[in-house]
Amino acid sequence: MSGKLKNIGVVSGLTVVSRVLGLVRDQLSAAVFGTSALNSAFITAFSLPNLFRRFLGEGSLTAAFVPTLQEELHERREAGAFRLLSQVTSWLTVVAGGLVAIGMILFSQSRLLPGHDDKWYVAADLTVVLFPYLAFVCLAAAFSATLNVLQRFVEPALSPIWLNLTMIVSLGGAGLHWAETAAGRMQWLCAGVLAGGFLQMAVPAAVLVRLGWRPRPDLTLSPRVREIALLMAPGLFGTAIYQINIYVSRLLAFSIDDSAASVLFYANRLTELPIGVFAIAVATVVYPLLARHAAERNFGAMADDYRKGLRLILLINVPAAAGLALLAEPMIRVLFQRGAFTADDTAMMAPLLALFAAGMPFFSITSLSTRAFYALKDTATPVKIAGVSFVINLGLSLLLKGPLGAAGLVIASTVAIVAQTVLLQRLLTRRRLDLAFAPLWAGVGKILLAVFGMGIVVGGGWWLLQGHATGSTRDALALVALVPLGVVIYGVGLWVLKIEGWEELAALWRRFRGKRA
């Protein structure tokens, strides 16, 4: 477990840097563009290549590629693994490149469909510019997955940092200094996206070359490539369902008013911070282990690592969700309310953040339980559950967006992810009884008790601050004082309740502090 904690600590630490930079990026774009129609158009346009990235890159490809590459590495060592990588990236280049060309051609003809608001044509124009990002990140996903299988976690964890840095520099540097209009600054922001996508692809590729990979075109349909394609086929929908739900919500929000898509995006980004820092870090490190155990038919070790991963995820994400919901308003004011982002935008975004936070623990569980199915080379079951989730989200979104607006869209996506989590875990238990969630229920109860105590202190503290302080002082005190106090109360609660896995979390914290020192 020590080695796994070290890798989780490395990924989590770098993900913290990435998420902080992502937060700076979002703060910058909010200050420059606010919740304008132009910003909402950019968010809607950028969502489409990201959605296809989930289809072809980080979603179904990674799910099918990692266990197959693990077997190839086990049987034919690095030479076979690198040969398979060349074959997969060759086919990926052809498929992703073709999609980019088709997408750019189609969206460039958007004005042939008259009668729509101008903001939809702006979104189509921005989609044309941003679509090449799809090809870069799909190849980056294959390179990063290979490095993870080779137990190299640093370079893949650096990947989103390059994107955030280039977007910050392009908008905050060149855009603000050299562009005189909002449209000109938006062009610089799009340039930053493309530059970041290229770096996300090039850096892990360079590391693989140093490790001995020699890239070459190879469109051979080897048995392993066919196996990956067969595993990917059902997963093309299932692995991206959460992003599909979010994309549907953004499209519907864009149709509600000019601001809804922007505030929906920023609220979702804040909930992705704890998910990305820890839940995805755990899933990234544990998934290759699950795939290896499954390949070796060592299901006892697989169940042990699966439950340890779930426990670590819940220990962090349940209190994080509660904290986001309780302190949504002061957090948004401190982080976003400046420049073109107004108090009205804060009032609109705060309830959305609280609603998104309710779904955080469920999405965190799904990120790992889905990977458990993929480690077993079962991509069909997650697809069936994904279909149910998608129908729930779409149906509730159409039903609730009228009376509740953007809040109705968040409620719909949250209900969908809860349903997906419950159904996935039930079917995973049916597939292998030793992967049941039941042994974790006692620990979940202790986590909820500790969170309840934390919530009383943090919620009570915020209520007192509202009566005795005003303005920025009140909001700063809420974050500087109440967040650390909540962490302490929660930690003491876990220690008093003697929750299983406490030693692992403490060891991870000691490693993190040791690296900082």
Protein backbone atom coordinates (compact mmCIF):
# COMPACT_ATOMS: atom_id res chain seq x y z
CA MET A 1 0.00 0.00 0.00
CA SER A 2 2.98 2.30 0.62
CA GLY A 3 3.86 2.36 -3.06
CA LYS A 4 0.26 3.09 -4.05
CA LEU A 5 0.04 5.95 -1.54
CA LYS A 6 3.23 7.40 -2.95
CA ASN A 7 1.82 7.36 -6.49
CA ILE A 8 -1.53 8.74 -5.31
CA GLY A 9 0.35 11.50 -3.48
CA VAL A 10 2.34 12.38 -6.61
CA VAL A 11 -0.75 12.48 -8.83
CA SER A 12 -2.76 14.38 -6.21
CA GLY A 13 0.01 16.94 -5.68
CA LEU A 14 0.38 17.67 -9.37
CA THR A 15 -3.37 17.69 -9.79
CA VAL A 16 -3.58 20.32 -7.04
CA VAL A 17 -1.22 22.49 -9.10
CA SER A 18 -3.28 21.85 -12.21
CA ARG A 19 -6.58 22.63 -10.51
CA VAL A 20 -5.21 25.80 -8.94
CA LEU A 21 -4.04 26.93 -12.37
CA GLY A 22 -7.42 25.93 -13.77
CA LEU A 23 -9.08 28.05 -11.11
CA VAL A 24 -6.85 31.00 -12.05
CA ARG A 25 -7.78 30.42 -15.69
CA ASP A 26 -11.49 30.44 -14.84
CA GLN A 27 -11.12 33.53 -12.65
CA LEU A 28 -9.36 35.31 -15.49
CA SER A 29 -11.97 34.40 -18.10
CA ALA A 30 -14.79 35.35 -15.70
CA ALA A 31 -13.19 38.72 -15.00
CA VAL A 32 -12.58 39.44 -18.70
CA PHE A 33 -15.82 38.08 -20.21
CA GLY A 34 -18.16 37.75 -17.21
CA THR A 35 -21.23 35.65 -17.98
CA SER A 36 -21.68 37.23 -21.40
CA ALA A 37 -23.06 35.49 -24.46
CA LEU A 38 -19.52 35.36 -25.89
CA ASN A 39 -18.20 33.50 -22.85
CA SER A 40 -21.15 31.12 -22.89
CA ALA A 41 -20.54 30.54 -26.61
CA PHE A 42 -16.87 29.66 -25.91
CA ILE A 43 -17.85 27.27 -23.10
CA THR A 44 -20.42 25.58 -25.35
CA ALA A 45 -17.94 25.33 -28.26
CA PHE A 46 -15.07 23.99 -26.13
CA SER A 47 -17.39 21.36 -24.63
CA LEU A 48 -17.75 19.57 -27.98
CA PRO A 49 -14.09 18.60 -28.60
CA ASN A 50 -13.87 17.73 -24.90
CA LEU A 51 -16.86 15.44 -25.31
CA PHE A 52 -15.21 13.64 -28.24
CA ARG A 53 -12.01 13.48 -26.21
CA ARG A 54 -13.94 11.45 -23.64
CA PHE A 55 -15.26 9.21 -26.41
CA LEU A 56 -11.96 8.48 -28.14
CA GLY A 57 -9.30 9.40 -25.62
CA GLU A 58 -9.61 9.37 -21.87
CA GLY A 59 -12.82 7.36 -21.89
CA SER A 60 -13.34 4.30 -24.04
CA LEU A 61 -9.82 4.15 -25.48
CA THR A 62 -8.11 4.24 -22.08
CA ALA A 63 -10.61 1.75 -20.68
CA ALA A 64 -9.89 -0.72 -23.50
CA PHE A 65 -6.21 0.10 -23.97
CA VAL A 66 -4.89 -0.20 -20.41
CA PRO A 67 -5.83 -3.84 -19.64
CA THR A 68 -4.84 -4.95 -23.16
CA LEU A 69 -1.51 -3.12 -22.96
CA GLN A 70 -0.99 -4.60 -19.48
CA GLU A 71 -1.34 -8.10 -20.95
CA GLU A 72 0.96 -7.27 -23.87
CA LEU A 73 3.58 -5.93 -21.45
CA HIS A 74 3.27 -9.05 -19.30
CA GLU A 75 3.66 -11.41 -22.27
CA ARG A 76 6.07 -9.60 -24.63
CA ARG A 77 7.69 -6.99 -22.42
CA GLU A 78 8.29 -3.40 -23.55
CA ALA A 79 8.97 -4.25 -27.19
CA GLY A 80 5.48 -5.65 -27.61
CA ALA A 81 3.91 -2.81 -25.63
CA PHE A 82 5.62 -0.17 -27.79
CA ARG A 83 4.60 -1.99 -31.00
CA LEU A 84 0.97 -1.98 -29.81
CA LEU A 85 1.25 1.72 -28.94
CA SER A 86 2.38 2.53 -32.49
CA GLN A 87 -0.54 0.60 -33.94
CA VAL A 88 -3.10 2.25 -31.66
CA THR A 89 -1.80 5.79 -32.19
CA SER A 90 -1.69 5.27 -35.97
CA TRP A 91 -5.35 4.30 -36.06
CA LEU A 92 -6.22 7.03 -33.58
CA THR A 93 -4.57 9.63 -35.79
CA VAL A 94 -6.64 8.52 -38.77
CA VAL A 95 -9.95 8.43 -36.87
CA ALA A 96 -9.45 11.62 -34.83
CA GLY A 97 -8.06 13.50 -37.82
CA GLY A 98 -11.06 12.50 -39.90
CA LEU A 99 -13.47 13.64 -37.19
CA VAL A 100 -11.68 16.97 -36.90
CA ALA A 101 -11.95 17.57 -40.65
CA ILE A 102 -15.64 16.61 -40.75
CA GLY A 103 -16.46 18.71 -37.69
CA MET A 104 -14.71 21.81 -38.99
CA ILE A 105 -16.45 21.54 -42.36
CA LEU A 106 -19.91 21.06 -40.86
CA PHE A 107 -19.70 23.86 -38.29
CA SER A 108 -18.19 26.26 -40.80
CA GLN A 109 -21.48 26.01 -42.74
CA SER A 110 -23.70 26.92 -39.75
CA ARG A 111 -25.09 30.04 -41.43
CA LEU A 112 -26.76 27.86 -44.03
CA LEU A 113 -29.30 27.23 -41.25
CA PRO A 114 -30.94 30.65 -40.85
CA GLY A 115 -33.30 31.82 -38.15
CA HIS A 116 -31.15 31.29 -35.04
CA ASP A 117 -29.83 33.83 -32.55
CA ASP A 118 -26.39 35.24 -33.31
CA LYS A 119 -24.89 33.55 -30.24
CA TRP A 120 -25.41 30.12 -31.83
CA TYR A 121 -23.45 31.14 -34.92
CA VAL A 122 -20.67 32.52 -32.71
CA ALA A 123 -20.56 29.18 -30.88
CA ALA A 124 -20.33 27.36 -34.22
CA ASP A 125 -17.47 29.62 -35.39
CA LEU A 126 -15.57 28.99 -32.16
CA THR A 127 -16.15 25.24 -32.53
CA VAL A 128 -14.40 25.34 -35.92
CA VAL A 129 -11.37 27.00 -34.34
CA LEU A 130 -11.23 24.70 -31.30
CA PHE A 131 -11.97 21.34 -32.92
CA PRO A 132 -8.31 20.45 -33.72
CA TYR A 133 -7.79 20.24 -29.95
CA LEU A 134 -9.62 16.91 -30.18
CA ALA A 135 -6.81 15.22 -32.15
CA PHE A 136 -4.09 16.48 -29.79
CA VAL A 137 -5.74 15.26 -26.59
CA CYS A 138 -6.80 11.90 -28.00
CA LEU A 139 -3.18 11.09 -28.79
CA ALA A 140 -2.15 12.54 -25.43
CA ALA A 141 -4.55 10.13 -23.70
CA ALA A 142 -2.93 7.12 -25.39
CA PHE A 143 0.57 8.31 -24.45
CA SER A 144 -0.45 9.03 -20.85
CA ALA A 145 -2.19 5.66 -20.46
CA THR A 146 1.00 3.92 -21.63
CA LEU A 147 3.09 5.84 -19.11
CA ASN A 148 0.66 4.89 -16.33
CA VAL A 149 0.97 1.21 -17.26
CA LEU A 150 4.75 1.64 -17.11
CA GLN A 151 4.27 3.12 -13.61
CA ARG A 152 5.23 6.62 -14.74
CA PHE A 153 2.63 8.94 -13.20
CA VAL A 154 4.34 12.34 -13.14
CA GLU A 155 4.22 13.22 -16.84
CA PRO A 156 0.55 12.26 -17.35
CA ALA A 157 -0.40 14.28 -14.26
CA LEU A 158 1.39 17.29 -15.76
CA SER A 159 -0.77 17.15 -18.89
CA PRO A 160 -3.59 19.54 -17.85
CA ILE A 161 -1.02 21.96 -16.42
CA TRP A 162 0.23 22.75 -19.94
CA LEU A 163 -3.30 23.60 -21.09
CA ASN A 164 -4.01 25.86 -18.13
CA LEU A 165 -0.68 27.66 -18.44
CA THR A 166 -1.05 28.40 -22.14
CA MET A 167 -4.62 29.64 -21.70
CA ILE A 168 -3.58 31.93 -18.84
CA VAL A 169 -0.62 33.32 -20.76
CA SER A 170 -2.55 33.77 -24.01
CA LEU A 171 -5.55 35.54 -22.43
CA GLY A 172 -3.95 37.26 -19.44
CA GLY A 173 -0.78 38.21 -21.29
CA ALA A 174 -1.18 38.61 -25.03
CA GLY A 175 -4.96 38.99 -25.02
CA LEU A 176 -5.18 41.79 -22.46
CA HIS A 177 -2.17 43.65 -23.84
CA TRP A 178 -2.62 43.34 -27.60
CA ALA A 179 -6.37 42.88 -28.15
CA GLU A 180 -8.67 45.87 -27.83
CA THR A 181 -12.02 44.06 -28.14
CA ALA A 182 -13.67 41.09 -26.46
CA ALA A 183 -13.65 39.23 -29.78
CA GLY A 184 -9.90 39.79 -30.13
CA ARG A 185 -9.26 38.49 -26.62
CA MET A 186 -11.37 35.45 -27.38
CA GLN A 187 -9.14 34.68 -30.37
CA TRP A 188 -6.10 34.70 -28.10
CA LEU A 189 -7.89 32.40 -25.64
CA CYS A 190 -8.62 29.92 -28.45
CA ALA A 191 -4.97 30.06 -29.52
CA GLY A 192 -4.01 29.15 -25.96
CA VAL A 193 -6.28 26.11 -26.09
CA LEU A 194 -4.61 24.80 -29.27
CA ALA A 195 -1.10 25.45 -27.95
CA GLY A 196 -1.95 23.67 -24.71
CA GLY A 197 -3.37 20.69 -26.56
CA PHE A 198 -0.17 20.35 -28.57
CA LEU A 199 1.95 20.37 -25.40
CA GLN A 200 -0.35 17.80 -23.78
CA MET A 201 0.43 15.50 -26.70
CA ALA A 202 4.12 16.30 -27.23
CA VAL A 203 5.45 16.06 -23.66
CA PRO A 204 4.38 12.46 -22.84
CA ALA A 205 5.36 11.40 -26.38
CA ALA A 206 8.87 12.74 -25.79
CA VAL A 207 9.11 10.81 -22.50
CA LEU A 208 8.10 7.58 -24.26
CA VAL A 209 10.77 8.19 -26.91
CA ARG A 210 13.35 8.52 -24.12
CA LEU A 211 12.10 5.21 -22.71
CA GLY A 212 12.76 3.47 -26.01
CA TRP A 213 9.60 3.90 -28.09
CA ARG A 214 10.24 4.61 -31.76
CA PRO A 215 7.05 6.05 -33.28
CA ARG A 216 6.20 4.83 -36.75
CA PRO A 217 3.01 4.55 -38.83
CA ASP A 218 1.53 1.08 -38.40
CA LEU A 219 -2.06 0.42 -39.47
CA THR A 220 -1.77 -3.34 -38.90
CA LEU A 221 -5.00 -4.83 -37.56
CA SER A 222 -3.26 -7.10 -35.06
CA PRO A 223 -5.29 -9.30 -32.68
CA ARG A 224 -4.61 -6.82 -29.87
CA VAL A 225 -5.84 -3.88 -31.95
CA ARG A 226 -9.00 -5.81 -32.82
CA GLU A 227 -9.49 -6.62 -29.15
CA ILE A 228 -9.18 -2.94 -28.22
CA ALA A 229 -11.63 -1.97 -30.94
CA LEU A 230 -14.16 -4.54 -29.74
CA LEU A 231 -13.80 -3.38 -26.15
CA MET A 232 -14.12 0.26 -27.22
CA ALA A 233 -17.24 -0.22 -29.34
CA PRO A 234 -19.78 -0.42 -26.50
CA GLY A 235 -17.81 2.03 -24.38
CA LEU A 236 -17.99 4.86 -26.92
CA PHE A 237 -21.19 5.92 -25.24
CA GLY A 238 -20.85 4.55 -21.72
CA THR A 239 -17.53 6.01 -20.68
CA ALA A 240 -18.54 9.53 -21.65
CA ILE A 241 -22.02 9.58 -20.15
CA TYR A 242 -21.21 12.07 -17.41
CA GLN A 243 -19.72 14.46 -19.95
CA ILE A 244 -22.68 13.86 -22.28
CA ASN A 245 -25.01 14.81 -19.44
CA ILE A 246 -22.99 17.95 -18.72
CA TYR A 247 -22.87 18.84 -22.43
CA VAL A 248 -26.64 18.42 -22.76
CA SER A 249 -27.06 20.63 -19.71
CA ARG A 250 -24.82 23.31 -21.22
CA LEU A 251 -26.68 23.29 -24.52
CA LEU A 252 -30.00 23.61 -22.71
CA ALA A 253 -28.54 26.31 -20.44
CA PHE A 254 -27.28 28.22 -23.50
CA SER A 255 -30.86 28.18 -24.77
CA ILE A 256 -32.25 29.57 -21.47
CA ASP A 257 -30.34 32.88 -21.45
CA ASP A 258 -26.89 34.35 -22.14
CA SER A 259 -25.56 33.80 -18.59
CA ALA A 260 -26.85 30.34 -17.68
CA ALA A 261 -24.18 28.34 -19.56
CA SER A 262 -21.36 30.35 -17.96
CA VAL A 263 -22.54 30.08 -14.35
CA LEU A 264 -23.33 26.39 -14.87
CA PHE A 265 -19.79 25.86 -16.15
CA TYR A 266 -18.07 27.72 -13.29
CA ALA A 267 -20.15 25.92 -10.65
CA ASN A 268 -19.28 22.55 -12.19
CA ARG A 269 -15.59 23.49 -12.35
CA LEU A 270 -15.50 24.21 -8.61
CA THR A 271 -16.94 20.77 -7.81
CA GLU A 272 -14.39 19.19 -10.17
CA LEU A 273 -11.56 20.55 -8.01
CA PRO A 274 -11.82 17.97 -5.17
CA ILE A 275 -12.93 15.27 -7.63
CA GLY A 276 -9.88 15.86 -9.82
CA VAL A 277 -7.41 16.31 -6.98
CA PHE A 278 -8.22 13.08 -5.21
CA ALA A 279 -10.93 10.87 -6.72
CA ILE A 280 -9.43 10.85 -10.21
CA ALA A 281 -5.93 10.55 -8.75
CA VAL A 282 -6.96 7.43 -6.83
CA ALA A 283 -8.73 5.97 -9.86
CA THR A 284 -5.73 6.70 -12.10
CA VAL A 285 -3.33 4.85 -9.81
CA VAL A 286 -5.67 2.02 -8.80
CA TYR A 287 -6.97 1.20 -12.31
CA PRO A 288 -3.70 -0.34 -13.62
CA LEU A 289 -3.56 -2.40 -10.40
CA LEU A 290 -7.12 -3.63 -10.90
CA ALA A 291 -6.29 -4.51 -14.52
CA ARG A 292 -3.15 -6.38 -13.45
CA HIS A 293 -4.98 -8.34 -10.74
CA ALA A 294 -7.75 -9.23 -13.20
CA ALA A 295 -5.20 -10.33 -15.81
CA GLU A 296 -3.54 -12.55 -13.17
CA ARG A 297 -6.97 -13.82 -11.96
CA ASN A 298 -6.10 -12.59 -8.47
CA PHE A 299 -9.59 -11.36 -7.59
CA GLY A 300 -8.98 -11.24 -3.86
CA ALA A 301 -6.25 -8.63 -4.32
CA MET A 302 -8.44 -6.82 -6.84
CA ALA A 303 -11.31 -6.55 -4.34
CA ASP A 304 -8.93 -5.37 -1.62
CA ASP A 305 -7.47 -2.59 -3.77
CA TYR A 306 -10.92 -1.63 -5.06
CA ARG A 307 -12.34 -1.13 -1.57
CA LYS A 308 -9.26 0.72 -0.37
CA GLY A 309 -9.61 3.07 -3.34
CA LEU A 310 -13.30 3.67 -2.63
CA ARG A 311 -12.61 4.32 1.05
CA LEU A 312 -9.92 6.89 0.29
CA ILE A 313 -12.21 8.61 -2.24
CA LEU A 314 -15.11 8.86 0.21
CA LEU A 315 -12.90 10.06 3.08
CA ILE A 316 -12.06 13.17 1.06
CA ASN A 317 -14.99 13.85 -1.22
CA VAL A 318 -17.91 13.58 1.22
CA PRO A 319 -16.61 16.38 3.51
CA ALA A 320 -15.46 18.37 0.47
CA ALA A 321 -19.00 18.25 -0.94
CA ALA A 322 -20.47 19.38 2.37
CA GLY A 323 -17.98 22.24 2.61
CA LEU A 324 -18.71 23.46 -0.91
CA ALA A 325 -22.45 23.45 -0.24
CA LEU A 326 -22.17 25.28 3.09
CA LEU A 327 -19.73 27.97 1.93
CA ALA A 328 -20.81 28.30 -1.71
CA GLU A 329 -21.67 32.01 -1.55
CA PRO A 330 -18.52 33.39 0.14
CA MET A 331 -16.33 31.09 -1.96
CA ILE A 332 -17.80 32.38 -5.22
CA ARG A 333 -17.47 36.01 -4.11
CA VAL A 334 -13.81 35.58 -3.15
CA LEU A 335 -12.86 33.58 -6.24
CA PHE A 336 -14.94 35.13 -9.02
CA GLN A 337 -16.75 38.35 -8.15
CA ARG A 338 -14.57 40.95 -9.86
CA GLY A 339 -14.33 42.63 -13.24
CA ALA A 340 -17.24 41.62 -15.45
CA PHE A 341 -18.47 38.99 -12.96
CA THR A 342 -21.16 40.71 -10.83
CA ALA A 343 -23.04 40.13 -7.58
CA ASP A 344 -26.05 38.98 -9.61
CA ASP A 345 -23.86 36.28 -11.17
CA THR A 346 -22.80 35.16 -7.67
CA ALA A 347 -26.43 34.94 -6.56
CA MET A 348 -27.23 32.83 -9.63
CA MET A 349 -24.24 30.53 -9.23
CA ALA A 350 -24.35 29.77 -5.46
CA PRO A 351 -27.37 27.40 -5.47
CA LEU A 352 -26.01 25.64 -8.57
CA LEU A 353 -22.73 24.96 -6.76
CA ALA A 354 -24.57 23.50 -3.77
CA LEU A 355 -26.63 21.24 -6.05
CA PHE A 356 -23.55 20.08 -7.98
CA ALA A 357 -21.80 19.31 -4.68
CA ALA A 358 -24.56 16.85 -3.76
CA GLY A 359 -23.53 14.67 -6.70
CA MET A 360 -19.78 14.79 -6.04
CA PRO A 361 -19.41 11.63 -3.91
CA PHE A 362 -21.49 9.63 -6.39
CA PHE A 363 -19.42 10.71 -9.38
CA SER A 364 -16.28 9.87 -7.41
CA ILE A 365 -17.51 6.33 -6.77
CA THR A 366 -18.55 5.91 -10.40
CA SER A 367 -15.08 6.92 -11.61
CA LEU A 368 -13.62 3.85 -9.87
CA SER A 369 -16.47 1.33 -10.20
CA THR A 370 -16.55 1.91 -13.96
CA ARG A 371 -12.84 1.15 -14.11
CA ALA A 372 -13.44 -2.06 -12.17
CA PHE A 373 -15.75 -3.22 -14.97
CA TYR A 374 -13.13 -2.28 -17.57
CA ALA A 375 -10.44 -4.18 -15.67
CA LEU A 376 -12.71 -7.21 -16.02
CA LYS A 377 -12.98 -6.38 -19.75
CA ASP A 378 -16.70 -5.75 -19.38
CA THR A 379 -17.56 -2.58 -21.29
CA ALA A 380 -21.13 -3.61 -22.08
CA THR A 381 -22.59 -3.29 -18.58
CA PRO A 382 -21.50 0.34 -18.03
CA VAL A 383 -23.08 1.20 -21.40
CA LYS A 384 -26.45 -0.18 -20.36
CA ILE A 385 -26.36 1.80 -17.13
CA ALA A 386 -25.13 4.86 -19.02
CA GLY A 387 -28.16 4.66 -21.27
CA VAL A 388 -30.46 4.70 -18.24
CA SER A 389 -28.56 7.65 -16.78
CA PHE A 390 -28.73 9.59 -20.03
CA VAL A 391 -32.49 9.09 -20.35
CA ILE A 392 -33.01 10.23 -16.75
CA ASN A 393 -30.88 13.34 -17.28
CA LEU A 394 -32.47 14.33 -20.58
CA GLY A 395 -36.02 13.70 -19.39
CA LEU A 396 -35.62 15.59 -16.13
CA SER A 397 -33.72 18.42 -17.85
CA LEU A 398 -36.54 19.03 -20.33
CA LEU A 399 -39.09 18.75 -17.52
CA LEU A 400 -37.34 21.05 -15.02
CA LYS A 401 -35.59 23.69 -17.12
CA GLY A 402 -38.80 25.64 -17.62
CA PRO A 403 -39.91 26.05 -13.98
CA LEU A 404 -36.45 25.94 -12.34
CA GLY A 405 -34.08 27.24 -15.05
CA ALA A 406 -30.40 26.28 -14.66
CA ALA A 407 -31.07 24.77 -11.20
CA GLY A 408 -33.37 22.24 -12.84
CA LEU A 409 -30.57 21.17 -15.18
CA VAL A 410 -28.20 20.56 -12.25
CA ILE A 411 -30.86 18.59 -10.37
CA ALA A 412 -31.37 16.43 -13.45
CA SER A 413 -27.65 15.67 -13.90
CA THR A 414 -27.27 14.96 -10.16
CA VAL A 415 -30.18 12.52 -10.09
CA ALA A 416 -28.73 10.83 -13.19
CA ILE A 417 -25.29 10.31 -11.64
CA VAL A 418 -26.84 8.97 -8.40
CA ALA A 419 -28.84 6.43 -10.40
CA GLN A 420 -25.77 5.46 -12.41
CA THR A 421 -23.68 4.94 -9.27
CA VAL A 422 -26.23 2.75 -7.52
CA LEU A 423 -26.93 0.59 -10.57
CA LEU A 424 -23.24 0.17 -11.44
CA GLN A 425 -22.33 -0.99 -7.96
CA ARG A 426 -25.25 -3.41 -7.78
CA LEU A 427 -24.29 -5.04 -11.08
CA LEU A 428 -20.60 -5.07 -10.15
CA THR A 429 -21.52 -6.96 -6.98
CA ARG A 430 -23.60 -9.37 -9.03
CA ARG A 431 -20.62 -9.88 -11.38
CA ARG A 432 -18.19 -10.55 -8.52
CA LEU A 433 -19.50 -10.81 -4.97
CA ASP A 434 -16.10 -9.96 -3.51
CA LEU A 435 -16.39 -6.45 -5.05
CA ALA A 436 -19.52 -5.68 -2.99
CA PHE A 437 -19.85 -2.28 -1.34
CA ALA A 438 -21.37 -3.80 1.83
CA PRO A 439 -18.11 -4.00 3.87
CA LEU A 440 -17.75 -0.21 3.50
CA TRP A 441 -21.12 0.78 4.97
CA ALA A 442 -19.86 0.95 8.55
CA GLY A 443 -17.09 3.30 7.42
CA VAL A 444 -19.55 5.41 5.42
CA GLY A 445 -21.66 5.83 8.57
CA LYS A 446 -18.63 7.07 10.49
CA ILE A 447 -17.73 9.48 7.67
CA LEU A 448 -21.26 10.89 7.71
CA LEU A 449 -21.16 11.35 11.50
CA ALA A 450 -17.85 13.19 11.25
CA VAL A 451 -19.20 15.33 8.41
CA PHE A 452 -22.33 16.11 10.44
CA GLY A 453 -20.19 17.43 13.28
CA MET A 454 -18.10 19.43 10.83
CA GLY A 455 -21.25 20.82 9.21
CA ILE A 456 -22.65 22.05 12.53
CA VAL A 457 -19.44 23.94 13.29
CA VAL A 458 -18.91 25.36 9.78
CA GLY A 459 -22.57 26.19 9.19
CA GLY A 460 -22.91 27.77 12.63
CA GLY A 461 -19.72 29.74 12.11
CA TRP A 462 -20.95 31.13 8.78
CA TRP A 463 -24.27 32.12 10.38
CA LEU A 464 -22.42 34.00 13.13
CA LEU A 465 -20.13 35.73 10.63
CA GLN A 466 -23.08 37.02 8.65
CA GLY A 467 -24.35 38.75 11.78
CA HIS A 468 -21.04 40.24 12.93
CA ALA A 469 -19.02 40.99 9.78
CA THR A 470 -19.66 42.41 6.34
CA GLY A 471 -18.23 42.51 2.83
CA SER A 472 -14.89 41.02 1.89
CA THR A 473 -13.81 40.66 5.54
CA ARG A 474 -16.70 38.30 6.24
CA ASP A 475 -16.02 36.20 3.14
CA ALA A 476 -12.28 36.02 3.77
CA LEU A 477 -12.84 34.92 7.39
CA ALA A 478 -15.26 32.25 6.17
CA LEU A 479 -12.57 30.66 4.00
CA VAL A 480 -9.45 31.36 6.07
CA ALA A 481 -10.94 30.39 9.43
CA LEU A 482 -13.90 28.08 8.85
CA VAL A 483 -12.32 25.80 6.23
CA PRO A 484 -9.28 24.85 8.41
CA LEU A 485 -11.56 24.56 11.45
CA GLY A 486 -13.84 22.22 9.53
CA VAL A 487 -10.86 20.07 8.49
CA VAL A 488 -9.76 19.79 12.13
CA ILE A 489 -13.24 18.92 13.37
CA TYR A 490 -13.60 16.30 10.65
CA GLY A 491 -10.18 14.81 11.35
CA VAL A 492 -10.87 14.60 15.08
CA GLY A 493 -14.21 12.95 14.34
CA LEU A 494 -12.55 10.28 12.20
CA TRP A 495 -9.93 9.67 14.88
CA VAL A 496 -12.52 9.36 17.66
CA LEU A 497 -14.65 7.02 15.57
CA LYS A 498 -11.53 5.01 14.59
CA ILE A 499 -12.58 4.64 10.98
CA GLU A 500 -10.94 1.88 8.96
CA GLY A 501 -8.36 3.30 6.57
CA TRP A 502 -7.45 6.20 8.85
CA GLU A 503 -3.84 5.01 8.94
CA GLU A 504 -3.65 5.08 5.14
CA LEU A 505 -4.99 8.63 4.98
CA ALA A 506 -2.58 9.74 7.73
CA ALA A 507 0.32 8.12 5.86
CA LEU A 508 -0.67 9.95 2.67
CA TRP A 509 -0.79 13.25 4.58
CA ARG A 510 2.65 12.61 6.08
CA ARG A 511 4.05 11.94 2.62
CA PHE A 512 2.49 15.14 1.31
CA ARG A 513 3.92 17.20 4.18
CA GLY A 514 7.31 15.54 3.76
CA LYS A 515 7.42 16.48 0.06
CA ARG A 516 6.49 20.08 0.88
CA ALA A 517 9.21 20.24 3.53
